[in-house]
Amino acid sequence: MTPWQIRGLALAAGLLAALAFPPFGILPGIAGYGLLLWLLGREPDLRPRRAFLYGWLAGLGYFAVGVWWVTEAFLVEAEIHGWMAPFALVFLAGGLALFWGLAAAGFAVVSRGGWSRIFIFAALLSGCEWLRGHVLSGFPWNLPGETWATGSAPSQLASVIGAYGLSYVTIALGAAPGLWPDLKGVKARGALVAACCLVLAGLYGWGEARLAAAPKAGADAPMIRLVQADIDQKEKWRPENLQAILKTYLTLSASPGARRPDVIVWPEGALPAVIDDLIYPDSPFLEGLGKALRPGQTLMMGTNRVSPKLEGGYIYYNSLIALRRDPSAPMDGFRLTGVYDKNRLVPFGEFLPLSPLATRLGLRILVHMPEDFTPGPTPAPITPLGVPPVQPLICYEALFPGLSGKVGSRPAWLLNISNDAWFGATSGPWQHLNIAGYRAIEAGLPIARSTPTGVTTMIDAFGRPGPSLGLGRMGVIDAVLPPALPKTPYAKWGDLFLALMILASALAEIVARLRGKSGPTDSEKPISPAAGSDIRTSL
C-alpha cells in the first residue's frame, strides 16, 4: 500500500470506532481499534514519529465524528460566529487527537510484537484517554468505555472499574481482530476467538446478573418533576422574550399530574437573566412562582448569578439554586435553601484560556458575559430543606468520572442540569445523555437530567433511562426518585483498577522479554511486505 492509503486507513480506524457510540450504535465499529493496531504492527521497525501520525489520524477521525456537533453552537448566531465553526472542529478534533498520537508513539517504542501487544496497546490508549480527561481543564467526551449504551449489561462493569477502566477492556476487545492477519494456524486463531467470546460472555453475563437484582423504588420516594420548555437557543437571549419564557416554565411547573411533585427542576440557564435581577421584594418572578408552586414544594433551577467584587465589578457564576415555597418566609413566601456553583467550566464557552490574547483576537464574544465565569468550589452535595441530599452536576461536569463524592457525605441522587440546546438536533445531546448515565453507574446513584430542548429523563442507579422527552419536545417528566445502591467499588477506589490493568500490561511485556518471547513467534510474525511494495519509512 502507498503511504496515503495507509494514512487513509488510519483515519478510517478512528471513524469506525466513533460510529459505535450513540446515536449510531454500530458496535462492530470497535474493530477500528484493531485496524489501528494492525497498522502499527505491520511495518518492521516502525518509528515513533510515523506511529504518532497514524495515531493522530485515527484520533482525528474519532473526534471529528464524536464532536462534530460543536459546530452547531457557532450557528446559533451564524452571522457573528458562523465563520468559526469549521476552525473550531478542526482545532478541537486535532487537539484531542494528540493523545491518540502519543499513545501510538509510545506503542512503537515499547511493543515488540506477540500477544502482549494487544495489552500494551490497550494500556497506552486508555492511559492517554485518562490524560485527556485531566490535562488542562480536561475533556473526556466519548471515552471508549462509554461505547456501550448506558444501562446495558456491558456498561455495568463501570460500577467496578469506571469508564476509564472499561475503556481498557473495550479497546483490548476491539483491538483483538488486529492480530488476526498475523496469526497462522487454527490453534492460534481459535484461541483469539475463544478469548474474545469469553470477554463478551463475561461482560453480558455479569451485567445481566447485576441488572436482575435491581431494587424497586419505595412508595414514599420523592416525586421529581423535570421541566423541558423547548426554548430555542436563538430565541432565548432576546430580552423581549423573557416574560414568555417565564410563563412557559411556570405553566409546565404547575401542570397537573398523578401525584404532586416534591421537587421541580428547571434546566441550566433556564431564563435569559441573572437571578439577582429576578429576586427582590414584590418581584413579578416571585409572584408568578408563588402561584405555580404549592407550600412545601422546592424549585431547583439553573441560573447565572453575580457577586460584587470589593474593588468594583462583579464575579459571575453558573449556578443551581433551590427555592422552597414557604408562605412564612420573608422573601415573598420563598426560602433560599441551597446554592451550587459550577466547578468545571467550559473553555471558550464560560472562560477564555489566555484571556488577554483571546480578547484581542475577538473571542470574547463567545462568552455571553462581560467577564469570564468563576469556578465554584470542589463539587459537594447540597441538602435543601425537604429534599434528599443531592450532588448537582451542571452540563459539562457530567463528563468527568469520579467528580462527585470527593467532598462531603454521600448524596442520595445526582442532578444534571444542562443547556444542550446549543447543539441542536445533532448527536451531541444523545451522547451527553449516554455519558451522564455512566456517572449513575459509577456512583450507584440515580441521576435526573433536565435540559431545555432534550434529552430530559430520570436515570436509575444502573444507568437505565426511564421515560424521556426527546429533542424538540415540550413537557414534563414526573418520576419517582429511584433508590440508591450501596457504594460501588468505583466510588470507593476510583481509577485504581485502571492503574492495576496498566501495570499488569507493563509487567506482562517485561516478563515476555525476560523469557525471550518478546518478539513475534513463527505463528505471529507480521506478514512481510512483498517485493516491490510501496512501504516507506519517511513521513
Protein backbone atom coordinates (compact mmCIF):
# COMPACT_ATOMS: atom_id res chain seq x y z
CA MET A 1 0.00 0.00 0.00
CA THR A 2 1.07 3.57 -0.59
CA PRO A 3 1.66 5.92 2.36
CA TRP A 4 -1.54 7.79 1.55
CA GLN A 5 -3.56 4.59 1.57
CA ILE A 6 -2.14 3.70 4.97
CA ARG A 7 -2.98 7.17 6.29
CA GLY A 8 -6.49 6.80 4.92
CA LEU A 9 -6.88 3.51 6.78
CA ALA A 10 -5.66 5.17 9.98
CA LEU A 11 -8.30 7.87 9.59
CA ALA A 12 -10.92 5.20 8.87
CA ALA A 13 -9.94 3.32 12.04
CA GLY A 14 -10.98 6.28 14.17
CA LEU A 15 -14.15 6.84 12.16
CA LEU A 16 -15.20 3.22 12.71
CA ALA A 17 -14.60 3.38 16.46
CA ALA A 18 -16.65 6.59 16.73
CA LEU A 19 -19.63 5.04 14.95
CA ALA A 20 -20.03 2.59 17.83
CA PHE A 21 -21.31 5.41 20.08
CA PRO A 22 -24.93 6.54 20.35
CA PRO A 23 -26.92 7.51 18.43
CA PHE A 24 -25.25 5.38 15.74
CA GLY A 25 -24.73 2.34 17.96
CA ILE A 26 -22.75 0.31 15.41
CA LEU A 27 -20.94 -1.83 17.99
CA PRO A 28 -18.80 -3.73 15.45
CA GLY A 29 -17.17 -0.34 14.88
CA ILE A 30 -14.92 -1.05 17.87
CA ALA A 31 -12.93 -3.15 15.41
CA GLY A 32 -11.49 0.23 14.39
CA TYR A 33 -9.11 -0.21 17.32
CA GLY A 34 -8.00 -3.46 15.71
CA LEU A 35 -7.38 -1.73 12.40
CA LEU A 36 -5.16 0.81 14.13
CA LEU A 37 -3.29 -1.94 15.99
CA TRP A 38 -2.70 -3.78 12.71
CA LEU A 39 -1.39 -0.63 11.05
CA LEU A 40 1.00 -0.02 13.93
CA GLY A 41 2.24 -3.61 13.86
CA ARG A 42 2.57 -4.26 10.13
CA GLU A 43 5.72 -2.22 9.48
CA PRO A 44 9.03 -3.56 10.78
CA ASP A 45 10.94 -1.06 12.90
CA LEU A 46 8.10 1.46 12.91
CA ARG A 47 9.47 4.79 14.06
CA PRO A 48 7.65 6.71 16.82
CA ARG A 49 7.19 9.73 14.57
CA ARG A 50 5.35 7.72 11.93
CA ALA A 51 3.36 5.88 14.60
CA PHE A 52 2.36 9.25 16.07
CA LEU A 53 1.00 10.27 12.67
CA TYR A 54 -1.09 7.09 12.40
CA GLY A 55 -2.43 7.54 15.91
CA TRP A 56 -3.16 11.22 15.36
CA LEU A 57 -5.04 10.49 12.13
CA ALA A 58 -7.10 7.80 13.86
CA GLY A 59 -7.86 10.24 16.67
CA LEU A 60 -8.78 12.91 14.14
CA GLY A 61 -11.37 10.60 12.60
CA TYR A 62 -12.64 9.52 16.00
CA PHE A 63 -13.14 13.05 17.31
CA ALA A 64 -14.35 14.54 14.04
CA VAL A 65 -17.31 12.16 14.23
CA GLY A 66 -17.60 12.37 18.00
CA VAL A 67 -17.62 16.15 18.45
CA TRP A 68 -18.88 17.50 15.12
CA TRP A 69 -21.92 18.80 16.98
CA VAL A 70 -19.73 21.59 18.39
CA THR A 71 -20.16 23.42 15.08
CA GLU A 72 -23.87 23.82 15.82
CA ALA A 73 -23.10 26.15 18.72
CA PHE A 74 -21.44 28.60 16.33
CA LEU A 75 -24.52 28.61 14.08
CA VAL A 76 -26.87 29.88 16.80
CA GLU A 77 -25.66 33.37 15.88
CA ALA A 78 -24.30 32.42 12.48
CA GLU A 79 -23.85 36.00 11.31
CA ILE A 80 -21.35 36.56 14.15
CA HIS A 81 -19.81 33.18 14.89
CA GLY A 82 -20.58 31.04 11.83
CA TRP A 83 -17.18 31.52 10.21
CA MET A 84 -15.52 29.96 13.27
CA ALA A 85 -17.39 26.63 13.02
CA PRO A 86 -15.01 24.67 10.73
CA PHE A 87 -11.95 26.04 12.51
CA ALA A 88 -13.41 25.07 15.89
CA LEU A 89 -13.99 21.49 14.75
CA VAL A 90 -10.50 21.13 13.28
CA PHE A 91 -8.90 22.72 16.34
CA LEU A 92 -10.85 20.59 18.82
CA ALA A 93 -10.62 17.26 16.96
CA GLY A 94 -6.98 17.82 16.03
CA GLY A 95 -6.05 18.81 19.57
CA LEU A 96 -7.78 15.85 21.20
CA ALA A 97 -6.20 13.53 18.63
CA LEU A 98 -2.78 14.40 20.04
CA PHE A 99 -3.49 11.99 22.89
CA TRP A 100 -4.03 9.16 20.42
CA GLY A 101 -0.84 10.14 18.63
CA LEU A 102 1.02 9.99 21.94
CA ALA A 103 -0.36 6.51 22.64
CA ALA A 104 0.66 5.25 19.19
CA ALA A 105 4.16 6.70 19.50
CA GLY A 106 4.52 5.02 22.88
CA PHE A 107 3.40 1.74 21.34
CA ALA A 108 6.13 1.97 18.71
CA VAL A 109 8.70 2.46 21.47
CA VAL A 110 7.72 -0.29 23.91
CA SER A 111 5.94 -3.03 21.94
CA ARG A 112 7.95 -5.85 20.43
CA GLY A 113 5.12 -7.92 19.00
CA GLY A 114 3.47 -11.10 20.20
CA TRP A 115 0.24 -11.42 22.14
CA SER A 116 1.34 -8.85 24.70
CA ARG A 117 1.00 -6.03 22.17
CA ILE A 118 -2.79 -6.07 22.48
CA PHE A 119 -2.49 -5.31 26.20
CA ILE A 120 0.22 -2.70 25.72
CA PHE A 121 -1.95 -1.03 23.07
CA ALA A 122 -4.99 -1.00 25.39
CA ALA A 123 -2.90 0.24 28.31
CA LEU A 124 -1.33 3.10 26.37
CA LEU A 125 -4.53 4.26 24.69
CA SER A 126 -6.70 4.03 27.81
CA GLY A 127 -3.95 5.75 29.79
CA CYS A 128 -3.83 8.59 27.28
CA GLU A 129 -7.63 8.81 27.41
CA TRP A 130 -7.27 9.26 31.17
CA LEU A 131 -4.84 12.10 30.43
CA ARG A 132 -7.40 13.60 28.03
CA GLY A 133 -9.80 13.83 30.94
CA HIS A 134 -7.28 15.53 33.22
CA VAL A 135 -4.78 17.64 31.25
CA LEU A 136 -5.57 21.37 31.41
CA SER A 137 -9.32 21.52 32.05
CA GLY A 138 -9.91 18.02 30.64
CA PHE A 139 -12.46 16.94 28.04
CA PRO A 140 -13.42 13.26 28.50
CA TRP A 141 -16.22 13.22 25.91
CA ASN A 142 -16.98 9.75 24.49
CA LEU A 143 -14.43 7.70 26.36
CA PRO A 144 -14.01 4.33 24.60
CA GLY A 145 -15.56 2.62 27.63
CA GLU A 146 -18.76 4.62 27.09
CA THR A 147 -19.28 2.91 23.74
CA TRP A 148 -21.81 0.56 25.34
CA ALA A 149 -25.26 2.11 25.75
CA THR A 150 -25.79 3.27 29.30
CA GLY A 151 -27.84 0.79 31.29
CA SER A 152 -26.85 -2.13 29.06
CA ALA A 153 -25.29 -5.25 30.54
CA PRO A 154 -21.71 -4.41 29.45
CA SER A 155 -21.97 -0.89 30.89
CA GLN A 156 -22.46 -2.33 34.39
CA LEU A 157 -18.74 -3.08 34.69
CA ALA A 158 -18.25 0.68 35.11
CA SER A 159 -19.59 0.25 38.65
CA VAL A 160 -16.33 -1.58 39.43
CA ILE A 161 -13.66 -0.14 37.13
CA GLY A 162 -15.26 3.10 35.93
CA ALA A 163 -15.47 4.42 32.39
CA TYR A 164 -11.68 4.67 32.17
CA GLY A 165 -11.20 1.04 33.19
CA LEU A 166 -13.97 -0.06 30.84
CA SER A 167 -12.10 1.84 28.13
CA TYR A 168 -9.15 -0.54 28.60
CA VAL A 169 -11.45 -3.57 28.24
CA THR A 170 -13.26 -2.11 25.21
CA ILE A 171 -10.04 -1.16 23.43
CA ALA A 172 -8.49 -4.59 24.06
CA LEU A 173 -11.62 -6.34 22.81
CA GLY A 174 -11.87 -4.14 19.73
CA ALA A 175 -8.15 -4.46 19.02
CA ALA A 176 -8.21 -8.26 19.01
CA PRO A 177 -9.10 -8.53 15.29
CA GLY A 178 -5.91 -6.60 14.58
CA LEU A 179 -3.95 -9.74 15.48
CA TRP A 180 -5.91 -11.98 13.08
CA PRO A 181 -3.93 -11.38 9.85
CA ASP A 182 -0.66 -12.17 11.62
CA LEU A 183 -1.81 -15.39 13.27
CA LYS A 184 -1.19 -18.63 11.40
CA GLY A 185 -2.90 -21.88 12.13
CA VAL A 186 -6.27 -22.88 13.51
CA LYS A 187 -4.96 -23.13 17.07
CA ALA A 188 -3.75 -19.53 17.32
CA ARG A 189 -6.81 -18.04 15.66
CA GLY A 190 -9.13 -20.28 17.65
CA ALA A 191 -7.54 -19.08 20.87
CA LEU A 192 -8.12 -15.47 19.82
CA VAL A 193 -11.80 -16.10 19.05
CA ALA A 194 -12.26 -18.01 22.30
CA ALA A 195 -10.69 -15.20 24.33
CA CYS A 196 -12.97 -12.60 22.73
CA CYS A 197 -16.04 -14.77 23.34
CA LEU A 198 -15.09 -15.21 26.99
CA VAL A 199 -14.72 -11.46 27.48
CA LEU A 200 -18.07 -10.77 25.81
CA ALA A 201 -19.76 -13.53 27.81
CA GLY A 202 -18.35 -12.05 30.99
CA LEU A 203 -19.48 -8.54 30.12
CA TYR A 204 -23.02 -9.59 29.25
CA GLY A 205 -23.40 -12.36 31.83
CA TRP A 206 -22.19 -10.40 34.84
CA GLY A 207 -24.05 -7.29 33.71
CA GLU A 208 -27.35 -9.12 33.28
CA ALA A 209 -26.97 -10.71 36.72
CA ARG A 210 -26.40 -7.29 38.26
CA LEU A 211 -29.43 -5.81 36.50
CA ALA A 212 -31.63 -8.71 37.62
CA ALA A 213 -31.01 -7.77 41.25
CA ALA A 214 -32.22 -4.17 40.83
CA PRO A 215 -34.38 -2.95 43.75
CA LYS A 216 -37.66 -1.10 43.24
CA ALA A 217 -38.40 2.42 44.40
CA GLY A 218 -40.28 2.77 47.68
CA ALA A 219 -43.79 4.17 47.79
CA ASP A 220 -42.62 7.13 49.86
CA ALA A 221 -39.79 8.12 47.49
CA PRO A 222 -39.86 11.78 46.41
CA MET A 223 -41.57 12.72 43.16
CA ILE A 224 -39.32 14.75 40.88
CA ARG A 225 -40.72 16.86 38.05
CA LEU A 226 -38.25 17.59 35.24
CA VAL A 227 -39.30 20.50 33.04
CA GLN A 228 -38.41 20.82 29.35
CA ALA A 229 -39.71 24.05 27.84
CA ASP A 230 -38.27 23.59 24.32
CA ILE A 231 -36.90 27.13 24.12
CA ASP A 232 -34.79 27.57 21.01
CA GLN A 233 -31.35 28.97 21.76
CA LYS A 234 -31.75 31.59 19.02
CA GLU A 235 -34.82 33.00 20.78
CA LYS A 236 -33.72 32.64 24.38
CA TRP A 237 -31.46 35.66 24.79
CA ARG A 238 -33.79 38.21 23.24
CA PRO A 239 -34.86 40.48 26.15
CA GLU A 240 -38.39 40.80 24.82
CA ASN A 241 -38.87 37.02 25.22
CA LEU A 242 -38.18 36.84 28.96
CA GLN A 243 -41.80 37.03 30.11
CA ALA A 244 -42.99 34.49 27.54
CA ILE A 245 -40.23 32.07 28.53
CA LEU A 246 -41.00 32.52 32.22
CA LYS A 247 -44.70 31.91 31.58
CA THR A 248 -43.88 28.66 29.76
CA TYR A 249 -41.80 27.36 32.68
CA LEU A 250 -44.42 28.39 35.25
CA THR A 251 -47.25 26.77 33.28
CA LEU A 252 -45.36 23.50 32.91
CA SER A 253 -44.34 23.54 36.57
CA ALA A 254 -47.95 23.96 37.71
CA SER A 255 -49.48 21.44 35.29
CA PRO A 256 -51.49 18.65 36.96
CA GLY A 257 -50.03 15.18 37.44
CA ALA A 258 -50.86 11.85 39.02
CA ARG A 259 -49.05 12.95 42.17
CA ARG A 260 -47.90 16.33 43.40
CA PRO A 261 -44.16 16.78 42.76
CA ASP A 262 -41.93 17.34 45.77
CA VAL A 263 -39.17 18.85 43.63
CA ILE A 264 -39.43 20.74 40.33
CA VAL A 265 -36.30 21.09 38.21
CA TRP A 266 -35.57 23.70 35.56
CA PRO A 267 -32.51 23.26 33.33
CA GLU A 268 -29.22 25.12 33.18
CA GLY A 269 -29.66 28.82 32.43
CA ALA A 270 -33.42 28.38 32.16
CA LEU A 271 -34.16 32.12 31.99
CA PRO A 272 -32.29 34.78 29.98
CA ALA A 273 -31.36 36.77 33.08
CA VAL A 274 -29.19 36.61 36.17
CA ILE A 275 -31.15 35.53 39.24
CA ASP A 276 -30.13 38.70 41.09
CA ASP A 277 -32.28 40.71 38.66
CA LEU A 278 -35.30 38.48 39.33
CA ILE A 279 -35.38 38.09 43.11
CA TYR A 280 -36.31 41.23 45.04
CA PRO A 281 -39.33 42.30 47.13
CA ASP A 282 -42.60 42.13 45.18
CA SER A 283 -40.83 40.91 42.03
CA PRO A 284 -43.01 39.56 39.18
CA PHE A 285 -40.81 36.44 39.14
CA LEU A 286 -41.54 35.52 42.76
CA GLU A 287 -45.19 36.48 42.36
CA GLY A 288 -45.59 34.13 39.38
CA LEU A 289 -43.61 31.41 41.10
CA GLY A 290 -45.84 31.73 44.16
CA LYS A 291 -48.86 30.89 42.01
CA ALA A 292 -47.16 27.93 40.34
CA LEU A 293 -45.72 26.23 43.44
CA ARG A 294 -47.60 24.96 46.47
CA PRO A 295 -46.30 25.17 50.04
CA GLY A 296 -43.60 22.58 50.67
CA GLN A 297 -42.54 22.28 47.03
CA THR A 298 -38.96 23.11 46.05
CA LEU A 299 -37.79 24.57 42.75
CA MET A 300 -34.24 23.71 41.71
CA MET A 301 -33.29 25.89 38.77
CA GLY A 302 -30.21 26.60 36.74
CA THR A 303 -29.31 30.27 36.58
CA ASN A 304 -26.47 32.73 36.33
CA ARG A 305 -25.74 34.74 39.44
CA VAL A 306 -23.38 37.56 40.34
CA SER A 307 -21.41 38.60 43.40
CA PRO A 308 -19.87 42.08 43.77
CA LYS A 309 -16.10 42.44 43.97
CA LEU A 310 -14.53 44.56 46.70
CA GLU A 311 -12.59 46.52 44.08
CA GLY A 312 -15.67 47.03 41.92
CA GLY A 313 -17.33 44.99 39.21
CA TYR A 314 -18.84 41.54 39.57
CA ILE A 315 -17.96 37.88 39.79
CA TYR A 316 -20.16 35.67 37.59
CA TYR A 317 -21.22 32.12 38.45
CA ASN A 318 -23.10 29.43 36.54
CA SER A 319 -25.26 28.12 39.35
CA LEU A 320 -28.10 25.99 40.59
CA ILE A 321 -30.31 27.39 43.35
CA ALA A 322 -33.04 25.78 45.44
CA LEU A 323 -36.12 27.84 46.37
CA ARG A 324 -38.65 26.32 48.78
CA ARG A 325 -42.25 27.54 48.83
CA ASP A 326 -42.85 28.64 52.41
CA PRO A 327 -45.63 31.20 53.00
CA SER A 328 -43.98 32.24 56.28
CA ALA A 329 -40.64 33.07 54.63
CA PRO A 330 -39.79 36.79 54.40
CA MET A 331 -38.74 36.59 50.73
CA ASP A 332 -42.28 36.83 49.29
CA GLY A 333 -43.09 33.34 50.52
CA PHE A 334 -39.86 31.67 49.38
CA ARG A 335 -36.80 30.48 51.22
CA LEU A 336 -33.40 30.04 49.53
CA THR A 337 -32.32 26.60 50.76
CA GLY A 338 -29.33 25.74 48.59
CA VAL A 339 -26.79 27.14 46.13
CA TYR A 340 -24.29 25.25 43.98
CA ASP A 341 -21.76 26.98 41.73
CA LYS A 342 -20.37 25.10 38.74
CA ASN A 343 -16.77 24.00 39.33
CA ARG A 344 -15.70 22.68 35.91
CA LEU A 345 -16.10 25.46 33.34
CA VAL A 346 -16.20 25.04 29.57
CA PRO A 347 -13.15 26.56 27.82
CA PHE A 348 -14.15 29.24 25.28
CA GLY A 349 -17.78 28.95 26.43
CA GLU A 350 -17.55 30.06 30.05
CA PHE A 351 -13.98 31.28 30.26
CA LEU A 352 -11.26 32.20 27.79
CA PRO A 353 -7.90 30.45 28.14
CA LEU A 354 -5.13 33.01 27.67
CA SER A 355 -7.82 35.63 28.18
CA PRO A 356 -5.87 38.81 27.22
CA LEU A 357 -4.72 37.29 23.91
CA ALA A 358 -8.10 35.71 23.18
CA THR A 359 -9.84 39.02 23.85
CA ARG A 360 -7.55 40.83 21.41
CA LEU A 361 -8.41 38.17 18.82
CA GLY A 362 -12.11 38.97 19.25
CA LEU A 363 -13.03 35.72 21.01
CA ARG A 364 -14.65 37.46 23.99
CA ILE A 365 -17.97 37.28 22.14
CA LEU A 366 -18.00 33.51 22.76
CA VAL A 367 -18.60 34.11 26.49
CA HIS A 368 -22.05 35.63 26.93
CA MET A 369 -20.99 37.68 29.94
CA PRO A 370 -18.81 40.80 30.34
CA GLU A 371 -16.18 38.66 32.09
CA ASP A 372 -15.23 35.01 32.50
CA PHE A 373 -17.33 32.88 34.80
CA THR A 374 -15.65 32.00 38.09
CA PRO A 375 -15.43 28.33 39.10
CA GLY A 376 -17.14 27.30 42.31
CA PRO A 377 -15.54 25.15 45.00
CA THR A 378 -14.92 21.41 44.61
CA PRO A 379 -18.31 19.77 43.95
CA ALA A 380 -20.05 18.76 47.17
CA PRO A 381 -23.63 17.68 47.86
CA ILE A 382 -26.23 20.22 48.94
CA THR A 383 -29.16 19.44 51.22
CA PRO A 384 -32.07 21.77 50.52
CA LEU A 385 -34.81 21.64 53.14
CA GLY A 386 -37.22 18.81 52.34
CA VAL A 387 -35.06 17.39 49.54
CA PRO A 388 -32.79 14.31 49.77
CA PRO A 389 -29.08 15.27 49.66
CA VAL A 390 -28.16 15.86 46.02
CA GLN A 391 -24.96 16.34 44.06
CA PRO A 392 -25.58 18.82 41.23
CA LEU A 393 -23.59 18.42 38.02
CA ILE A 394 -24.04 21.35 35.68
CA CYS A 395 -23.72 20.45 31.98
CA TYR A 396 -20.06 19.68 31.24
CA GLU A 397 -19.46 18.37 34.77
CA ALA A 398 -21.31 15.15 33.96
CA LEU A 399 -18.44 14.22 31.63
CA PHE A 400 -15.97 13.59 34.45
CA PRO A 401 -15.79 10.17 36.11
CA GLY A 402 -15.40 10.43 39.86
CA LEU A 403 -16.18 14.15 40.06
CA SER A 404 -18.99 13.60 42.55
CA GLY A 405 -18.31 12.21 46.00
CA LYS A 406 -14.95 13.91 46.55
CA VAL A 407 -16.18 16.20 49.32
CA GLY A 408 -18.84 15.75 51.97
CA SER A 409 -21.19 12.88 52.73
CA ARG A 410 -22.65 10.65 50.04
CA PRO A 411 -25.72 12.14 48.33
CA ALA A 412 -28.94 10.24 47.61
CA TRP A 413 -29.00 11.26 43.95
CA LEU A 414 -27.28 13.23 41.22
CA LEU A 415 -28.84 16.10 39.29
CA ASN A 416 -27.52 17.03 35.86
CA ILE A 417 -28.96 20.27 34.51
CA SER A 418 -27.67 21.14 31.06
CA ASN A 419 -28.27 23.51 28.18
CA ASP A 420 -27.90 21.10 25.28
CA ALA A 421 -29.94 23.49 23.13
CA TRP A 422 -26.59 24.84 21.92
CA PHE A 423 -26.08 21.63 19.96
CA GLY A 424 -29.42 21.46 18.18
CA ALA A 425 -30.76 18.25 16.68
CA THR A 426 -27.36 16.55 16.46
CA SER A 427 -25.72 13.55 18.07
CA GLY A 428 -24.43 15.74 20.91
CA PRO A 429 -27.48 15.66 23.23
CA TRP A 430 -27.87 11.88 22.84
CA GLN A 431 -24.22 11.29 23.60
CA HIS A 432 -24.42 13.62 26.61
CA LEU A 433 -27.34 11.54 27.90
CA ASN A 434 -25.30 8.35 27.47
CA ILE A 435 -22.30 9.87 29.26
CA ALA A 436 -24.44 11.06 32.18
CA GLY A 437 -25.78 7.54 32.60
CA TYR A 438 -22.25 6.32 33.28
CA ARG A 439 -21.94 8.70 36.21
CA ALA A 440 -25.00 6.98 37.71
CA ILE A 441 -23.46 3.52 37.22
CA GLU A 442 -20.11 4.57 38.69
CA ALA A 443 -21.67 6.18 41.76
CA GLY A 444 -24.51 3.72 42.27
CA LEU A 445 -26.88 6.69 42.39
CA PRO A 446 -29.83 7.76 40.23
CA ILE A 447 -29.30 10.85 38.11
CA ALA A 448 -32.03 13.23 36.97
CA ARG A 449 -31.45 15.21 33.77
CA SER A 450 -33.22 18.43 32.85
CA THR A 451 -32.48 20.21 29.57
CA PRO A 452 -34.32 22.97 27.70
CA THR A 453 -34.69 21.10 24.39
CA GLY A 454 -33.84 17.45 25.17
CA VAL A 455 -32.99 14.88 26.28
CA THR A 456 -34.75 15.11 29.67
CA THR A 457 -35.18 11.94 31.75
CA MET A 458 -34.67 10.16 35.06
CA ILE A 459 -31.87 7.57 35.02
CA ASP A 460 -31.71 4.89 37.70
CA ALA A 461 -28.59 3.80 39.58
CA PHE A 462 -27.90 1.17 36.91
CA GLY A 463 -27.73 3.83 34.20
CA ARG A 464 -31.10 2.93 32.66
CA PRO A 465 -33.05 5.94 31.34
CA GLY A 466 -36.76 6.00 32.11
CA PRO A 467 -39.44 7.79 30.07
CA SER A 468 -37.85 10.75 28.34
CA LEU A 469 -38.55 13.90 26.37
CA GLY A 470 -36.55 13.81 23.15
CA LEU A 471 -35.23 16.66 21.06
CA GLY A 472 -37.61 19.49 20.26
CA ARG A 473 -40.40 18.41 22.63
CA MET A 474 -42.13 20.44 25.33
CA GLY A 475 -43.45 18.87 28.52
CA VAL A 476 -42.59 17.44 31.90
CA ILE A 477 -41.34 14.12 33.22
CA ASP A 478 -42.77 13.13 36.59
CA ALA A 479 -40.58 10.39 38.04
CA VAL A 480 -40.29 8.79 41.45
CA LEU A 481 -36.68 9.06 42.59
CA PRO A 482 -35.11 5.60 42.08
CA PRO A 483 -33.31 4.07 45.06
CA ALA A 484 -29.59 4.49 45.60
CA LEU A 485 -27.39 1.39 45.68
CA PRO A 486 -24.64 0.62 48.18
CA LYS A 487 -21.42 2.45 47.44
CA THR A 488 -19.83 0.88 44.37
CA PRO A 489 -16.23 -0.33 44.14
CA TYR A 490 -15.52 2.51 41.73
CA ALA A 491 -16.96 5.06 44.16
CA LYS A 492 -14.65 3.66 46.84
CA TRP A 493 -11.43 3.22 44.89
CA GLY A 494 -11.74 5.35 41.77
CA ASP A 495 -9.33 4.55 38.95
CA LEU A 496 -7.25 2.08 40.96
CA PHE A 497 -8.35 -0.78 38.70
CA LEU A 498 -7.22 1.09 35.59
CA ALA A 499 -3.82 1.64 37.18
CA LEU A 500 -3.59 -2.06 38.04
CA MET A 501 -4.51 -3.11 34.49
CA ILE A 502 -1.89 -0.78 33.02
CA LEU A 503 0.69 -2.08 35.49
CA ALA A 504 -0.21 -5.69 34.69
CA SER A 505 0.17 -4.97 30.96
CA ALA A 506 3.61 -3.48 31.53
CA LEU A 507 4.67 -6.45 33.67
CA ALA A 508 3.41 -8.90 31.03
CA GLU A 509 5.58 -7.19 28.42
CA ILE A 510 8.60 -7.21 30.73
CA VAL A 511 8.16 -10.90 31.61
CA ALA A 512 7.78 -11.83 27.94
CA ARG A 513 11.04 -10.08 27.14
CA LEU A 514 12.89 -11.68 30.04
CA ARG A 515 11.76 -15.08 28.82
CA GLY A 516 12.94 -14.30 25.33
CA LYS A 517 9.42 -14.22 23.95
CA SER A 518 9.09 -10.50 23.27
CA GLY A 519 9.48 -10.89 19.51
CA PRO A 520 6.77 -12.42 17.31
CA THR A 521 6.61 -16.20 17.22
CA ASP A 522 6.55 -18.01 13.91
CA SER A 523 2.76 -18.04 14.03
CA GLU A 524 2.56 -14.37 14.98
CA LYS A 525 5.11 -12.74 12.73
CA PRO A 526 3.74 -9.85 10.70
CA ILE A 527 3.41 -10.64 7.03
CA SER A 528 6.46 -9.17 5.34
CA PRO A 529 5.86 -6.69 2.54
CA ALA A 530 6.04 -8.27 -0.86
CA ALA A 531 8.89 -7.31 -3.10
CA GLY A 532 8.23 -4.05 -4.86
CA SER A 533 5.52 -2.96 -2.43
CA ASP A 534 5.46 0.72 -1.53
CA ILE A 535 6.32 0.76 2.19
CA ARG A 536 8.35 3.85 3.01
CA THR A 537 9.92 4.89 6.28
CA SER A 538 9.65 8.63 5.86
CA LEU A 539 6.63 10.78 6.62
